[in-house]
Amino acid sequence: MIEDRSVAAEVSDKLLAANHSIVDALKVVEQHCSKEEAEMFRVEAANVAGHLFAFLLRPLWQLHPDLAPEGLDMTASKKKP
């Protein structure tokens, strides 16, 4: 993942903005489309947001825990023997 903290911070901000855009897009769909369309979009939007977190944000925040949103503990947990 990205070692340089300043680059990681910028990437984190942009990925969080992308997530907010997904949420905003879902709101538009819910306001202007049928319930069926909104539900289909919601499922796929959740899939994209989940992948964004699992494959990009989580590894980034595990490397730079201070970049994670307040209240989200991303420090590596120690496994019990």
PDB file of N, CA and C in Angstrom:
ATOM      1  N   MET A   1       0.862  -1.181   0.000  1.00  0.00           N
ATOM      2  CA  MET A   1       0.000   0.000   0.000  1.00  0.00           C
ATOM      3  C   MET A   1       0.898   1.231   0.000  1.00  0.00           C
ATOM      4  N   ILE A   2       0.353   2.360   0.199  1.00  0.00           N
ATOM      5  CA  ILE A   2       1.051   3.642   0.048  1.00  0.00           C
ATOM      6  C   ILE A   2       1.803   3.995   1.332  1.00  0.00           C
ATOM      7  N   GLU A   3       3.118   4.034   1.243  1.00  0.00           N
ATOM      8  CA  GLU A   3       3.960   4.304   2.413  1.00  0.00           C
ATOM      9  C   GLU A   3       3.996   5.793   2.771  1.00  0.00           C
ATOM     10  N   ASP A   4       4.076   6.657   1.778  1.00  0.00           N
ATOM     11  CA  ASP A   4       4.184   8.099   2.008  1.00  0.00           C
ATOM     12  C   ASP A   4       2.895   8.613   2.640  1.00  0.00           C
ATOM     13  N   ARG A   5       2.995   9.130   3.880  1.00  0.00           N
ATOM     14  CA  ARG A   5       1.806   9.530   4.620  1.00  0.00           C
ATOM     15  C   ARG A   5       1.045  10.667   3.945  1.00  0.00           C
ATOM     16  N   SER A   6       1.747  11.629   3.379  1.00  0.00           N
ATOM     17  CA  SER A   6       1.042  12.755   2.747  1.00  0.00           C
ATOM     18  C   SER A   6       0.273  12.293   1.514  1.00  0.00           C
ATOM     19  N   VAL A   7       0.846  11.387   0.755  1.00  0.00           N
ATOM     20  CA  VAL A   7       0.128  10.828  -0.398  1.00  0.00           C
ATOM     21  C   VAL A   7      -1.044   9.987   0.098  1.00  0.00           C
ATOM     22  N   ALA A   8      -0.814   9.198   1.138  1.00  0.00           N
ATOM     23  CA  ALA A   8      -1.880   8.365   1.705  1.00  0.00           C
ATOM     24  C   ALA A   8      -3.041   9.229   2.203  1.00  0.00           C
ATOM     25  N   ALA A   9      -2.727  10.362   2.813  1.00  0.00           N
ATOM     26  CA  ALA A   9      -3.772  11.265   3.309  1.00  0.00           C
ATOM     27  C   ALA A   9      -4.610  11.814   2.160  1.00  0.00           C
ATOM     28  N   GLU A  10      -3.951  12.204   1.090  1.00  0.00           N
ATOM     29  CA  GLU A  10      -4.688  12.722  -0.071  1.00  0.00           C
ATOM     30  C   GLU A  10      -5.560  11.634  -0.695  1.00  0.00           C
ATOM     31  N   VAL A  11      -5.011  10.441  -0.821  1.00  0.00           N
ATOM     32  CA  VAL A  11      -5.775   9.319  -1.388  1.00  0.00           C
ATOM     33  C   VAL A  11      -6.959   8.985  -0.489  1.00  0.00           C
ATOM     34  N   SER A  12      -6.741   8.959   0.819  1.00  0.00           N
ATOM     35  CA  SER A  12      -7.824   8.679   1.759  1.00  0.00           C
ATOM     36  C   SER A  12      -8.955   9.696   1.603  1.00  0.00           C
ATOM     37  N   ASP A  13      -8.596  10.965   1.530  1.00  0.00           N
ATOM     38  CA  ASP A  13      -9.606  12.019   1.358  1.00  0.00           C
ATOM     39  C   ASP A  13     -10.402  11.826   0.068  1.00  0.00           C
ATOM     40  N   LYS A  14      -9.708  11.488  -1.002  1.00  0.00           N
ATOM     41  CA  LYS A  14     -10.388  11.303  -2.289  1.00  0.00           C
ATOM     42  C   LYS A  14     -11.292  10.071  -2.270  1.00  0.00           C
ATOM     43  N   LEU A  15     -10.848   9.006  -1.624  1.00  0.00           N
ATOM     44  CA  LEU A  15     -11.681   7.805  -1.539  1.00  0.00           C
ATOM     45  C   LEU A  15     -12.903   8.039  -0.653  1.00  0.00           C
ATOM     46  N   LEU A  16     -12.733   8.801   0.424  1.00  0.00           N
ATOM     47  CA  LEU A  16     -13.889   9.146   1.257  1.00  0.00           C
ATOM     48  C   LEU A  16     -14.869  10.022   0.478  1.00  0.00           C
ATOM     49  N   ALA A  17     -14.343  10.928  -0.334  1.00  0.00           N
ATOM     50  CA  ALA A  17     -15.209  11.756  -1.181  1.00  0.00           C
ATOM     51  C   ALA A  17     -15.953  10.888  -2.190  1.00  0.00           C
ATOM     52  N   ALA A  18     -15.272   9.877  -2.725  1.00  0.00           N
ATOM     53  CA  ALA A  18     -15.934   8.954  -3.658  1.00  0.00           C
ATOM     54  C   ALA A  18     -17.067   8.219  -2.955  1.00  0.00           C
ATOM     55  N   ASN A  19     -16.834   7.820  -1.722  1.00  0.00           N
ATOM     56  CA  ASN A  19     -17.886   7.143  -0.965  1.00  0.00           C
ATOM     57  C   ASN A  19     -19.077   8.072  -0.747  1.00  0.00           C
ATOM     58  N   HIS A  20     -18.802   9.321  -0.425  1.00  0.00           N
ATOM     59  CA  HIS A  20     -19.888  10.297  -0.249  1.00  0.00           C
ATOM     60  C   HIS A  20     -20.652  10.489  -1.560  1.00  0.00           C
ATOM     61  N   SER A  21     -19.957  10.449  -2.675  1.00  0.00           N
ATOM     62  CA  SER A  21     -20.618  10.560  -3.983  1.00  0.00           C
ATOM     63  C   SER A  21     -21.545   9.380  -4.239  1.00  0.00           C
ATOM     64  N   ILE A  22     -21.135   8.203  -3.812  1.00  0.00           N
ATOM     65  CA  ILE A  22     -21.991   7.018  -3.952  1.00  0.00           C
ATOM     66  C   ILE A  22     -23.268   7.212  -3.143  1.00  0.00           C
ATOM     67  N   VAL A  23     -23.123   7.698  -1.921  1.00  0.00           N
ATOM     68  CA  VAL A  23     -24.291   7.948  -1.062  1.00  0.00           C
ATOM     69  C   VAL A  23     -25.188   9.010  -1.691  1.00  0.00           C
ATOM     70  N   ASP A  24     -24.595  10.073  -2.208  1.00  0.00           N
ATOM     71  CA  ASP A  24     -25.380  11.130  -2.855  1.00  0.00           C
ATOM     72  C   ASP A  24     -26.114  10.604  -4.086  1.00  0.00           C
ATOM     73  N   ALA A  25     -25.444   9.754  -4.864  1.00  0.00           N
ATOM     74  CA  ALA A  25     -26.085   9.164  -6.046  1.00  0.00           C
ATOM     75  C   ALA A  25     -27.268   8.300  -5.633  1.00  0.00           C
ATOM     76  N   LEU A  26     -27.108   7.558  -4.562  1.00  0.00           N
ATOM     77  CA  LEU A  26     -28.206   6.726  -4.067  1.00  0.00           C
ATOM     78  C   LEU A  26     -29.406   7.589  -3.675  1.00  0.00           C
ATOM     79  N   LYS A  27     -29.157   8.718  -3.046  1.00  0.00           N
ATOM     80  CA  LYS A  27     -30.252   9.624  -2.671  1.00  0.00           C
ATOM     81  C   LYS A  27     -31.005  10.115  -3.903  1.00  0.00           C
ATOM     82  N   VAL A  28     -30.280  10.432  -4.971  1.00  0.00           N
ATOM     83  CA  VAL A  28     -30.917  10.870  -6.219  1.00  0.00           C
ATOM     84  C   VAL A  28     -31.802   9.761  -6.771  1.00  0.00           C
ATOM     85  N   VAL A  29     -31.269   8.554  -6.801  1.00  0.00           N
ATOM     86  CA  VAL A  29     -32.034   7.416  -7.321  1.00  0.00           C
ATOM     87  C   VAL A  29     -33.281   7.185  -6.472  1.00  0.00           C
ATOM     88  N   GLU A  30     -33.135   7.252  -5.158  1.00  0.00           N
ATOM     89  CA  GLU A  30     -34.288   7.034  -4.276  1.00  0.00           C
ATOM     90  C   GLU A  30     -35.367   8.097  -4.479  1.00  0.00           C
ATOM     91  N   GLN A  31     -34.965   9.314  -4.803  1.00  0.00           N
ATOM     92  CA  GLN A  31     -35.921  10.402  -4.993  1.00  0.00           C
ATOM     93  C   GLN A  31     -36.619  10.363  -6.346  1.00  0.00           C
ATOM     94  N   HIS A  32     -35.953   9.820  -7.358  1.00  0.00           N
ATOM     95  CA  HIS A  32     -36.464   9.962  -8.720  1.00  0.00           C
ATOM     96  C   HIS A  32     -36.792   8.663  -9.441  1.00  0.00           C
ATOM     97  N   CYS A  33     -36.513   7.545  -8.822  1.00  0.00           N
ATOM     98  CA  CYS A  33     -36.724   6.266  -9.507  1.00  0.00           C
ATOM     99  C   CYS A  33     -37.712   5.399  -8.734  1.00  0.00           C
ATOM    100  N   SER A  34     -38.116   4.336  -9.367  1.00  0.00           N
ATOM    101  CA  SER A  34     -39.045   3.411  -8.720  1.00  0.00           C
ATOM    102  C   SER A  34     -38.363   2.714  -7.542  1.00  0.00           C
ATOM    103  N   LYS A  35     -39.176   2.129  -6.671  1.00  0.00           N
ATOM    104  CA  LYS A  35     -38.626   1.396  -5.532  1.00  0.00           C
ATOM    105  C   LYS A  35     -37.753   0.238  -6.000  1.00  0.00           C
ATOM    106  N   GLU A  36     -38.174  -0.399  -7.078  1.00  0.00           N
ATOM    107  CA  GLU A  36     -37.407  -1.531  -7.608  1.00  0.00           C
ATOM    108  C   GLU A  36     -36.040  -1.073  -8.115  1.00  0.00           C
ATOM    109  N   GLU A  37     -36.038   0.037  -8.864  1.00  0.00           N
ATOM    110  CA  GLU A  37     -34.767   0.567  -9.366  1.00  0.00           C
ATOM    111  C   GLU A  37     -33.869   0.993  -8.207  1.00  0.00           C
ATOM    112  N   ALA A  38     -34.469   1.651  -7.232  1.00  0.00           N
ATOM    113  CA  ALA A  38     -33.700   2.116  -6.080  1.00  0.00           C
ATOM    114  C   ALA A  38     -33.094   0.946  -5.317  1.00  0.00           C
ATOM    115  N   GLU A  39     -33.849  -0.121  -5.156  1.00  0.00           N
ATOM    116  CA  GLU A  39     -33.333  -1.290  -4.441  1.00  0.00           C
ATOM    117  C   GLU A  39     -32.177  -1.930  -5.210  1.00  0.00           C
ATOM    118  N   MET A  40     -32.312  -2.063  -6.511  1.00  0.00           N
ATOM    119  CA  MET A  40     -31.221  -2.632  -7.314  1.00  0.00           C
ATOM    120  C   MET A  40     -29.974  -1.748  -7.230  1.00  0.00           C
ATOM    121  N   PHE A  41     -30.192  -0.449  -7.314  1.00  0.00           N
ATOM    122  CA  PHE A  41     -29.060   0.477  -7.232  1.00  0.00           C
ATOM    123  C   PHE A  41     -28.423   0.418  -5.848  1.00  0.00           C
ATOM    124  N   ARG A  42     -29.246   0.356  -4.806  1.00  0.00           N
ATOM    125  CA  ARG A  42     -28.755   0.306  -3.427  1.00  0.00           C
ATOM    126  C   ARG A  42     -27.845  -0.904  -3.215  1.00  0.00           C
ATOM    127  N   VAL A  43     -28.265  -2.050  -3.738  1.00  0.00           N
ATOM    128  CA  VAL A  43     -27.469  -3.272  -3.594  1.00  0.00           C
ATOM    129  C   VAL A  43     -26.098  -3.099  -4.245  1.00  0.00           C
ATOM    130  N   GLU A  44     -26.086  -2.582  -5.463  1.00  0.00           N
ATOM    131  CA  GLU A  44     -24.816  -2.417  -6.174  1.00  0.00           C
ATOM    132  C   GLU A  44     -23.968  -1.299  -5.562  1.00  0.00           C
ATOM    133  N   ALA A  45     -24.610  -0.237  -5.094  1.00  0.00           N
ATOM    134  CA  ALA A  45     -23.867   0.847  -4.447  1.00  0.00           C
ATOM    135  C   ALA A  45     -23.209   0.340  -3.164  1.00  0.00           C
ATOM    136  N   ALA A  46     -23.918  -0.481  -2.418  1.00  0.00           N
ATOM    137  CA  ALA A  46     -23.345  -1.070  -1.203  1.00  0.00           C
ATOM    138  C   ALA A  46     -22.167  -1.975  -1.547  1.00  0.00           C
ATOM    139  N   ASN A  47     -22.287  -2.701  -2.645  1.00  0.00           N
ATOM    140  CA  ASN A  47     -21.198  -3.563  -3.095  1.00  0.00           C
ATOM    141  C   ASN A  47     -19.949  -2.733  -3.417  1.00  0.00           C
ATOM    142  N   VAL A  48     -20.144  -1.659  -4.151  1.00  0.00           N
ATOM    143  CA  VAL A  48     -19.014  -0.788  -4.512  1.00  0.00           C
ATOM    144  C   VAL A  48     -18.405  -0.154  -3.259  1.00  0.00           C
ATOM    145  N   ALA A  49     -19.243   0.372  -2.378  1.00  0.00           N
ATOM    146  CA  ALA A  49     -18.744   1.003  -1.158  1.00  0.00           C
ATOM    147  C   ALA A  49     -18.004  -0.007  -0.285  1.00  0.00           C
ATOM    148  N   GLY A  50     -18.515  -1.219  -0.225  1.00  0.00           N
ATOM    149  CA  GLY A  50     -17.851  -2.266   0.549  1.00  0.00           C
ATOM    150  C   GLY A  50     -16.477  -2.601  -0.003  1.00  0.00           C
ATOM    151  N   HIS A  51     -16.393  -2.696  -1.318  1.00  0.00           N
ATOM    152  CA  HIS A  51     -15.099  -2.970  -1.947  1.00  0.00           C
ATOM    153  C   HIS A  51     -14.135  -1.796  -1.748  1.00  0.00           C
ATOM    154  N   LEU A  52     -14.654  -0.594  -1.836  1.00  0.00           N
ATOM    155  CA  LEU A  52     -13.835   0.596  -1.616  1.00  0.00           C
ATOM    156  C   LEU A  52     -13.193   0.540  -0.232  1.00  0.00           C
ATOM    157  N   PHE A  53     -13.997   0.163   0.755  1.00  0.00           N
ATOM    158  CA  PHE A  53     -13.467   0.057   2.112  1.00  0.00           C
ATOM    159  C   PHE A  53     -12.517  -1.130   2.247  1.00  0.00           C
ATOM    160  N   ALA A  54     -12.968  -2.304   1.840  1.00  0.00           N
ATOM    161  CA  ALA A  54     -12.212  -3.535   2.082  1.00  0.00           C
ATOM    162  C   ALA A  54     -10.873  -3.581   1.359  1.00  0.00           C
ATOM    163  N   PHE A  55     -10.844  -3.092   0.127  1.00  0.00           N
ATOM    164  CA  PHE A  55      -9.641  -3.256  -0.687  1.00  0.00           C
ATOM    165  C   PHE A  55      -8.755  -2.017  -0.778  1.00  0.00           C
ATOM    166  N   LEU A  56      -9.288  -0.859  -0.423  1.00  0.00           N
ATOM    167  CA  LEU A  56      -8.486   0.361  -0.533  1.00  0.00           C
ATOM    168  C   LEU A  56      -8.342   1.094   0.801  1.00  0.00           C
ATOM    169  N   LEU A  57      -9.459   1.434   1.429  1.00  0.00           N
ATOM    170  CA  LEU A  57      -9.380   2.232   2.650  1.00  0.00           C
ATOM    171  C   LEU A  57      -8.833   1.453   3.840  1.00  0.00           C
ATOM    172  N   ARG A  58      -9.337   0.257   4.085  1.00  0.00           N
ATOM    173  CA  ARG A  58      -8.880  -0.505   5.249  1.00  0.00           C
ATOM    174  C   ARG A  58      -7.363  -0.733   5.213  1.00  0.00           C
ATOM    175  N   PRO A  59      -6.801  -1.233   4.096  1.00  0.00           N
ATOM    176  CA  PRO A  59      -5.345  -1.420   4.089  1.00  0.00           C
ATOM    177  C   PRO A  59      -4.577  -0.103   4.264  1.00  0.00           C
ATOM    178  N   LEU A  60      -5.109   0.960   3.695  1.00  0.00           N
ATOM    179  CA  LEU A  60      -4.470   2.267   3.824  1.00  0.00           C
ATOM    180  C   LEU A  60      -4.493   2.729   5.279  1.00  0.00           C
ATOM    181  N   TRP A  61      -5.644   2.597   5.929  1.00  0.00           N
ATOM    182  CA  TRP A  61      -5.782   3.022   7.319  1.00  0.00           C
ATOM    183  C   TRP A  61      -5.050   2.098   8.280  1.00  0.00           C
ATOM    184  N   GLN A  62      -4.887   0.836   7.922  1.00  0.00           N
ATOM    185  CA  GLN A  62      -4.109  -0.053   8.780  1.00  0.00           C
ATOM    186  C   GLN A  62      -2.641   0.363   8.772  1.00  0.00           C
ATOM    187  N   LEU A  63      -2.164   0.832   7.643  1.00  0.00           N
ATOM    188  CA  LEU A  63      -0.791   1.309   7.537  1.00  0.00           C
ATOM    189  C   LEU A  63      -0.633   2.687   8.182  1.00  0.00           C
ATOM    190  N   HIS A  64      -1.672   3.503   8.091  1.00  0.00           N
ATOM    191  CA  HIS A  64      -1.676   4.864   8.647  1.00  0.00           C
ATOM    192  C   HIS A  64      -2.943   5.030   9.501  1.00  0.00           C
ATOM    193  N   PRO A  65      -2.980   4.425  10.703  1.00  0.00           N
ATOM    194  CA  PRO A  65      -4.202   4.451  11.520  1.00  0.00           C
ATOM    195  C   PRO A  65      -4.706   5.854  11.851  1.00  0.00           C
ATOM    196  N   ASP A  66      -3.808   6.821  11.886  1.00  0.00           N
ATOM    197  CA  ASP A  66      -4.208   8.194  12.205  1.00  0.00           C
ATOM    198  C   ASP A  66      -5.061   8.826  11.111  1.00  0.00           C
ATOM    199  N   LEU A  67      -5.090   8.230   9.923  1.00  0.00           N
ATOM    200  CA  LEU A  67      -5.911   8.755   8.827  1.00  0.00           C
ATOM    201  C   LEU A  67      -7.352   8.250   8.883  1.00  0.00           C
ATOM    202  N   ALA A  68      -7.579   7.208   9.658  1.00  0.00           N
ATOM    203  CA  ALA A  68      -8.930   6.643   9.758  1.00  0.00           C
ATOM    204  C   ALA A  68      -9.857   7.652  10.433  1.00  0.00           C
ATOM    205  N   PRO A  69     -11.134   7.642  10.058  1.00  0.00           N
ATOM    206  CA  PRO A  69     -12.086   8.549  10.704  1.00  0.00           C
ATOM    207  C   PRO A  69     -12.096   8.351  12.222  1.00  0.00           C
ATOM    208  N   GLU A  70     -12.356   9.424  12.930  1.00  0.00           N
ATOM    209  CA  GLU A  70     -12.391   9.379  14.388  1.00  0.00           C
ATOM    210  C   GLU A  70     -13.363   8.302  14.864  1.00  0.00           C
ATOM    211  N   GLY A  71     -12.912   7.530  15.818  1.00  0.00           N
ATOM    212  CA  GLY A  71     -13.746   6.470  16.376  1.00  0.00           C
ATOM    213  C   GLY A  71     -13.562   5.121  15.704  1.00  0.00           C
ATOM    214  N   LEU A  72     -12.834   5.090  14.601  1.00  0.00           N
ATOM    215  CA  LEU A  72     -12.595   3.838  13.888  1.00  0.00           C
ATOM    216  C   LEU A  72     -11.175   3.386  14.204  1.00  0.00           C
ATOM    217  N   ASP A  73     -11.056   2.346  15.013  1.00  0.00           N
ATOM    218  CA  ASP A  73      -9.749   1.848  15.434  1.00  0.00           C
ATOM    219  C   ASP A  73      -9.200   0.901  14.381  1.00  0.00           C
ATOM    220  N   MET A  74      -8.159   1.331  13.693  1.00  0.00           N
ATOM    221  CA  MET A  74      -7.570   0.510  12.631  1.00  0.00           C
ATOM    222  C   MET A  74      -6.218  -0.059  13.033  1.00  0.00           C
ATOM    223  N   THR A  75      -5.861   0.069  14.306  1.00  0.00           N
ATOM    224  CA  THR A  75      -4.608  -0.524  14.738  1.00  0.00           C
ATOM    225  C   THR A  75      -4.730  -2.032  14.641  1.00  0.00           C
ATOM    226  N   ALA A  76      -3.655  -2.658  14.239  1.00  0.00           N
ATOM    227  CA  ALA A  76      -3.668  -4.117  14.059  1.00  0.00           C
ATOM    228  C   ALA A  76      -3.892  -4.797  15.401  1.00  0.00           C
ATOM    229  N   SER A  77      -4.827  -5.713  15.421  1.00  0.00           N
ATOM    230  CA  SER A  77      -5.083  -6.457  16.653  1.00  0.00           C
ATOM    231  C   SER A  77      -4.085  -7.602  16.745  1.00  0.00           C
ATOM    232  N   LYS A  78      -3.614  -7.843  17.949  1.00  0.00           N
ATOM    233  CA  LYS A  78      -2.662  -8.929  18.156  1.00  0.00           C
ATOM    234  C   LYS A  78      -3.420 -10.228  18.321  1.00  0.00           C
ATOM    235  N   LYS A  79      -2.986 -11.231  17.577  1.00  0.00           N
ATOM    236  CA  LYS A  79      -3.635 -12.536  17.667  1.00  0.00           C
ATOM    237  C   LYS A  79      -3.147 -13.258  18.911  1.00  0.00           C
ATOM    238  N   LYS A  80      -4.071 -13.922  19.573  1.00  0.00           N
ATOM    239  CA  LYS A  80      -3.715 -14.694  20.755  1.00  0.00           C
ATOM    240  C   LYS A  80      -3.091 -16.012  20.321  1.00  0.00           C
ATOM    241  N   PRO A  81      -2.054 -16.458  21.069  1.00  0.00           N
ATOM    242  CA  PRO A  81      -1.405 -17.725  20.692  1.00  0.00           C
ATOM    243  C   PRO A  81      -2.296 -18.921  20.893  1.00  0.00           C
TER     244      PRO A  81
END
